[in-house]
Amino acid sequence: MSIVDDLIENLVERNVIKLNGTLKVSLVSGGVRVRGQLSSTLRDQKKNKDVLKAEVPVDTSVKVGEIVIPLPQLK
């Protein structure tokens, strides 16, 4: 096997990620705001043990440009 195959097998095929948490999505002037808390666990399925646990706070805003929706002409 190549190094890439070994890397993919070890990182992707053997591991599983579990996400839990809550997110609050709010509409704000010009975009969207997302806030919350996520809990993530990376588990090695071959060894049946947790490799990494993380608590991730989320607080972000996304600005959306002007959206133009063309309407058909009414006759």
Protein backbone atom coordinates (compact mmCIF):
# COMPACT_ATOMS: atom_id res chain seq x y z
CA MET A 1 0.00 0.00 0.00
CA SER A 2 1.06 3.57 -0.54
CA ILE A 3 1.50 6.18 2.16
CA VAL A 4 -1.68 7.93 0.96
CA ASP A 5 -3.71 4.70 1.25
CA ASP A 6 -2.42 4.15 4.79
CA LEU A 7 -3.23 7.75 5.75
CA ILE A 8 -6.78 7.52 4.38
CA GLU A 9 -7.35 4.19 6.11
CA ASN A 10 -6.10 5.48 9.47
CA LEU A 11 -7.91 8.84 9.36
CA VAL A 12 -11.15 8.09 7.53
CA GLU A 13 -11.99 4.41 7.52
CA ARG A 14 -11.05 3.60 11.14
CA ASN A 15 -12.42 6.71 12.83
CA VAL A 16 -15.88 8.09 13.45
CA ILE A 17 -16.83 11.61 14.54
CA LYS A 18 -19.81 12.23 16.81
CA LEU A 19 -21.21 15.78 17.05
CA ASN A 20 -23.66 17.02 19.67
CA GLY A 21 -24.77 20.49 20.56
CA THR A 22 -27.10 23.35 19.83
CA LEU A 23 -27.01 26.16 17.34
CA LYS A 24 -29.18 29.28 17.30
CA VAL A 25 -29.65 30.85 13.86
CA SER A 26 -30.89 34.45 13.78
CA LEU A 27 -31.69 36.73 10.90
CA VAL A 28 -29.91 40.08 11.28
CA SER A 29 -29.77 43.11 9.05
CA GLY A 30 -27.89 42.06 5.93
CA GLY A 31 -27.26 38.43 6.85
CA VAL A 32 -27.41 35.59 9.37
CA ARG A 33 -25.88 35.10 12.83
CA VAL A 34 -25.08 31.64 14.25
CA ARG A 35 -24.32 31.07 17.95
CA GLY A 36 -24.06 27.96 20.07
CA GLN A 37 -21.90 25.20 21.50
CA LEU A 38 -20.76 21.96 19.84
CA SER A 39 -19.29 18.88 21.51
CA SER A 40 -17.20 16.62 19.27
CA THR A 41 -15.70 13.18 19.89
CA LEU A 42 -13.29 11.38 17.53
CA ARG A 43 -13.37 7.61 18.14
CA ASP A 44 -10.97 4.96 16.81
CA GLN A 45 -13.27 2.06 15.87
CA LYS A 46 -10.46 -0.50 15.59
CA LYS A 47 -9.19 0.12 19.13
CA ASN A 48 -12.70 1.02 20.38
CA LYS A 49 -11.42 4.08 22.24
CA ASP A 50 -11.91 7.86 22.15
CA VAL A 51 -8.96 9.67 20.57
CA LEU A 52 -10.07 13.30 20.93
CA LYS A 53 -12.82 15.21 22.73
CA ALA A 54 -13.46 18.90 22.06
CA GLU A 55 -15.91 21.57 23.18
CA VAL A 56 -16.27 24.21 20.44
CA PRO A 57 -18.04 27.54 20.93
CA VAL A 58 -19.67 28.95 17.79
CA ASP A 59 -20.28 32.68 17.27
CA THR A 60 -20.27 33.89 13.68
CA SER A 61 -22.04 36.26 11.33
CA VAL A 62 -22.50 35.87 7.59
CA LYS A 63 -23.30 38.85 5.41
CA VAL A 64 -25.43 38.26 2.33
CA GLY A 65 -25.29 40.60 -0.65
CA GLU A 66 -28.32 41.96 -2.40
CA ILE A 67 -30.51 39.26 -3.90
CA VAL A 68 -32.53 40.11 -7.01
CA ILE A 69 -35.35 37.76 -7.98
CA PRO A 70 -36.68 38.45 -11.46
CA LEU A 71 -40.45 38.16 -11.72
CA PRO A 72 -42.27 37.29 -14.91
CA GLN A 73 -44.11 40.11 -16.59
CA LEU A 74 -47.86 39.99 -15.89
CA LYS A 75 -50.20 40.72 -18.80
